Protein backbone atom coordinates (compact mmCIF):
# COMPACT_ATOMS: atom_id res chain seq x y z
CA MET A 1 18.61 25.73 6.18
CA MET A 2 19.79 22.37 7.52
CA ASN A 3 16.81 20.69 5.87
CA MET A 4 17.73 22.16 2.48
CA GLN A 5 21.35 21.04 2.89
CA PHE A 6 20.18 17.53 3.78
CA GLN A 7 17.94 17.36 0.71
CA SER A 8 20.78 18.54 -1.52
CA TYR A 9 23.16 15.99 -0.01
CA PHE A 10 20.55 13.23 -0.38
CA LEU A 11 19.85 14.14 -4.01
CA ILE A 12 23.55 14.18 -4.93
CA ASN A 13 24.15 10.78 -3.35
CA VAL A 14 21.10 9.24 -5.01
CA PHE A 15 22.15 10.66 -8.38
CA ILE A 16 25.66 9.21 -7.99
CA GLU A 17 24.24 5.83 -7.01
CA LEU A 18 21.86 5.79 -9.99
CA LEU A 19 24.67 6.85 -12.31
CA TRP A 20 26.90 4.01 -11.15
CA ARG A 21 24.07 1.52 -11.58
CA PHE A 22 23.43 2.74 -15.12
CA LEU A 23 27.12 2.49 -15.95
CA ASP A 24 27.24 -1.00 -14.48
CA LEU A 25 24.29 -2.04 -16.61
CA PHE A 26 25.45 -0.41 -19.84
CA ASN A 27 29.08 -1.46 -19.54
CA SER A 28 28.38 -4.96 -18.28
CA GLN A 29 30.05 -7.70 -20.24
CA ILE A 30 26.87 -9.74 -20.27
CA SER A 31 25.23 -7.64 -22.97
CA LYS A 32 25.75 -4.81 -25.39
CA PRO A 33 24.12 -1.42 -24.75
CA TRP A 34 20.39 -1.23 -25.12
CA SER A 35 19.26 -0.28 -28.58
CA ALA A 36 16.69 2.38 -29.41
CA VAL A 37 14.15 -0.35 -30.13
CA SER A 38 11.27 -0.43 -27.65
CA THR A 39 8.79 -3.17 -26.88
CA GLU A 40 5.28 -3.66 -25.54
CA LEU A 41 3.83 -6.72 -23.87
CA PHE A 42 0.11 -7.29 -23.39
CA VAL A 43 -0.83 -9.92 -20.80
CA MET A 44 -4.23 -11.63 -20.79
CA ASN A 45 -5.68 -14.61 -18.98
CA GLU A 46 -6.71 -17.83 -20.70
CA ASP A 47 -10.12 -16.30 -21.52
CA GLY A 48 -8.53 -13.38 -23.35
CA GLN A 49 -9.35 -10.86 -20.61
CA VAL A 50 -6.82 -8.24 -19.51
CA LEU A 51 -5.01 -9.60 -16.46
CA ASP A 52 -4.25 -6.28 -14.75
CA GLY A 53 -6.26 -5.88 -11.55
CA SER A 54 -7.45 -9.50 -11.49
CA SER A 55 -8.07 -11.41 -8.27
CA ILE A 56 -6.59 -14.91 -8.15
CA LEU A 57 -7.61 -17.60 -5.67
CA LEU A 58 -4.94 -18.73 -3.23
CA GLY A 59 -3.12 -21.82 -4.53
CA SER A 60 -4.06 -21.21 -8.16
CA SER A 61 -1.79 -20.66 -11.15
CA LEU A 62 -2.09 -18.53 -14.26
CA SER A 63 -2.39 -19.61 -17.88
CA LEU A 64 -1.43 -16.50 -19.83
CA ASN A 65 -1.92 -15.35 -23.41
CA LEU A 66 0.83 -12.95 -24.39
CA SER A 67 1.03 -10.44 -27.22
CA PHE A 68 4.42 -8.87 -27.98
CA GLN A 69 5.11 -5.84 -30.16
CA MET A 70 8.52 -4.53 -31.19
CA LYS A 71 8.56 -0.82 -32.05
CA ASN A 72 10.95 1.74 -33.54
CA MET A 73 12.94 -0.75 -35.58
CA THR A 74 15.44 1.21 -37.65
CA THR A 75 17.83 0.22 -40.37
CA GLY A 76 21.42 -0.30 -39.35
CA LEU A 77 20.62 -2.13 -36.13
CA PRO A 78 21.71 -5.75 -35.81
CA SER A 79 18.71 -7.89 -36.72
CA PRO A 80 17.00 -9.96 -34.02
CA SER A 81 16.04 -12.49 -36.71
CA ASN A 82 12.52 -13.43 -35.70
CA LYS A 83 13.12 -14.66 -32.16
CA VAL A 84 12.74 -12.57 -29.03
CA TYR A 85 12.98 -13.89 -25.49
CA CYS A 86 11.03 -12.55 -22.55
CA ILE A 87 11.15 -13.08 -18.80
CA LEU A 88 8.22 -12.54 -16.43
CA GLY A 89 8.94 -12.00 -12.75
CA CYS A 90 6.34 -11.86 -9.98
CA LYS A 91 7.07 -9.92 -6.80
CA PRO A 92 5.08 -8.39 -3.95
CA HIS A 93 3.52 -5.09 -4.92
CA LEU A 94 4.44 -3.01 -1.91
CA VAL A 95 3.66 0.69 -1.71
CA THR A 96 6.05 2.05 0.90
CA THR A 97 6.00 5.67 1.93
CA ASN A 98 7.99 7.70 4.38
CA ILE A 99 6.32 10.77 5.82
CA ARG A 100 9.73 12.46 5.92
CA ASP A 101 10.24 12.03 2.19
CA SER A 102 9.27 14.76 -0.23
CA LYS A 103 7.49 13.93 -3.47
CA TRP A 104 10.72 13.87 -5.49
CA GLN A 105 12.45 11.67 -2.89
CA SER A 106 9.62 9.13 -3.11
CA GLN A 107 9.84 9.19 -6.90
CA LEU A 108 13.60 8.61 -6.79
CA ARG A 109 13.14 5.64 -4.49
CA LYS A 110 10.52 4.21 -6.84
CA GLU A 111 12.75 4.65 -9.90
CA GLU A 112 15.69 3.07 -8.07
CA ASP A 113 13.56 0.04 -7.18
CA GLU A 114 12.38 -0.29 -10.78
CA MET A 115 15.98 -0.10 -11.97
CA ASP A 116 16.98 -2.89 -9.60
CA ASP A 117 14.13 -5.03 -10.96
CA THR A 118 15.20 -4.40 -14.55
CA MET A 119 18.84 -5.18 -13.86
CA GLU A 120 18.02 -8.47 -12.17
CA LEU A 121 15.60 -9.57 -14.89
CA ASN A 122 18.12 -8.63 -17.57
CA LYS A 123 20.82 -10.76 -15.93
CA LYS A 124 18.45 -13.72 -15.54
CA LEU A 125 17.33 -13.44 -19.16
CA PHE A 126 20.90 -13.23 -20.44
CA ARG A 127 21.84 -16.38 -18.56
CA TYR A 128 18.77 -18.17 -19.86
CA VAL A 129 19.28 -17.14 -23.49
CA THR A 130 23.00 -17.95 -23.50
CA GLY A 131 22.54 -21.23 -21.62
CA SER A 132 24.76 -20.22 -18.71
CA VAL A 133 22.12 -21.49 -16.26
CA GLU A 134 19.69 -24.39 -16.31
CA THR A 135 17.09 -23.60 -18.99
CA GLU A 136 13.93 -24.90 -17.35
CA GLY A 137 10.79 -23.01 -18.21
CA HIS A 138 10.55 -21.50 -14.77
CA CYS A 139 12.44 -21.29 -11.51
CA ARG A 140 11.52 -20.80 -7.89
CA ARG A 141 12.83 -18.11 -5.64
CA ARG A 142 16.34 -18.15 -4.21
CA ASP A 143 17.08 -16.55 -0.86
CA ASN A 144 18.51 -13.37 -2.42
CA ASP A 145 16.01 -13.15 -5.26
CA ARG A 146 13.79 -10.11 -5.71
CA PHE A 147 11.19 -12.23 -7.51
CA MET A 148 9.18 -15.08 -6.02
CA VAL A 149 8.39 -16.72 -9.38
CA THR A 150 9.92 -16.27 -12.85
CA GLU A 151 8.94 -17.65 -16.24
CA TYR A 152 10.64 -17.54 -19.66
CA VAL A 153 8.86 -17.18 -23.00
CA ARG A 154 9.99 -17.09 -26.64
CA PHE A 155 8.22 -15.15 -29.37
CA GLU A 156 8.41 -15.78 -33.10
CA LEU A 157 7.97 -12.36 -34.70
CA ASN A 158 6.25 -11.63 -37.99
CA GLU A 159 7.30 -8.95 -40.47
CA ARG A 160 5.49 -6.30 -38.40
CA GLY A 161 7.47 -7.14 -35.27
CA GLN A 162 4.52 -8.88 -33.62
CA GLY A 163 4.58 -12.16 -31.76
CA PHE A 164 2.16 -14.26 -29.74
CA SER A 165 2.78 -16.91 -27.14
CA THR A 166 1.36 -18.58 -24.04
CA CYS A 167 2.89 -19.46 -20.71
CA PHE A 168 2.00 -21.07 -17.41
CA LEU A 169 2.93 -18.91 -14.43
CA ASP A 170 2.98 -21.07 -11.31
CA ILE A 171 1.99 -18.67 -8.53
CA SER A 172 0.52 -21.39 -6.33
CA ILE A 173 3.23 -20.75 -3.72
CA LEU A 174 2.30 -17.09 -3.27
CA PRO A 175 0.58 -16.11 -0.02
CA VAL A 176 -2.37 -13.75 0.12
CA GLY A 177 -1.44 -10.26 -1.00
CA ALA A 178 -0.89 -7.88 -3.91
CA TYR A 179 1.71 -8.68 -6.57
CA LYS A 180 3.26 -7.09 -9.63
CA ILE A 181 4.36 -8.98 -12.73
CA ILE A 182 7.48 -7.30 -14.12
CA TRP A 183 8.82 -8.21 -17.56
CA HIS A 184 11.90 -7.71 -19.70
CA SER A 185 12.95 -8.88 -23.16
CA GLY A 186 16.03 -9.36 -25.29
CA TYR A 187 17.37 -11.09 -28.37
CA VAL A 188 20.51 -12.42 -29.99
CA ASP A 189 21.53 -10.32 -32.97
CA SER A 190 23.04 -11.49 -36.25
CA GLU A 191 26.51 -11.10 -34.75
CA GLY A 192 25.71 -13.51 -31.94
CA SER A 193 25.55 -10.86 -29.20
CA TYR A 194 22.78 -10.62 -26.63
CA ARG A 195 20.91 -7.31 -26.62
CA SER A 196 18.39 -5.95 -24.13
CA LEU A 197 15.18 -4.28 -25.26
CA LEU A 198 13.51 -1.33 -23.57
CA PRO A 199 9.96 -2.03 -22.28
CA VAL A 200 7.57 0.89 -22.65
CA ASN A 201 4.63 -0.45 -20.68
CA ALA A 202 4.37 -1.86 -17.19
CA GLY A 203 3.34 -5.36 -16.32
CA PRO A 204 0.00 -6.22 -14.70
CA SER A 205 -0.89 -6.22 -11.02
CA ILE A 206 -2.78 -9.10 -9.42
CA ILE A 207 -4.28 -9.87 -6.02
CA VAL A 208 -4.06 -13.32 -4.45
CA LYS A 209 -7.00 -13.88 -2.11
CA VAL A 210 -8.63 -16.66 -0.14
CA VAL A 211 -11.96 -18.24 -1.01
CA THR A 212 -14.80 -16.52 0.80
CA THR A 213 -17.90 -18.45 1.75
CA VAL A 214 -21.30 -17.04 2.52
């Protein structure tokens, strides 16, 4: 009985926390609410091979080929012109589990972590697009940063909402381990307001490893 009460209490508190975070994101003054437009990003290495699951040698960096697709464009939405901005963030890919957590508790923790990632990337991208921070192509990690490396990219879209670009992701500082590349995108509409876009696919995972000799 006590266990059921604890689970109910935990669920209510997590729901309230997630609700407040959503309200903070949607009502933030840094951007208007997310539109119904969704986006896909396909990440490949310099040889045109899918990056997901790749092993990268310690001290190396990544030259990426990027393919961007905007979906569900509807009439009546402020136009993004033909420019969309994207941020890539690289962070450790940690799979943490707690034997005391049920399946739904673990899922809630995962979704909360993903939400935190999205909120931070959205804020970084807004500042980059609006020029409220230094607009270098990339930046290194700050002490309170969730991401160890970030990179900004701009896409010029065609009439089908497609865009292609390249970027250099400097991961040479990353120690050995597994990492996830998270991404987010946004644009400035015809009214001059920044708008976030909803990503529908996850970014790639990579493994940084040392050189092995036989």
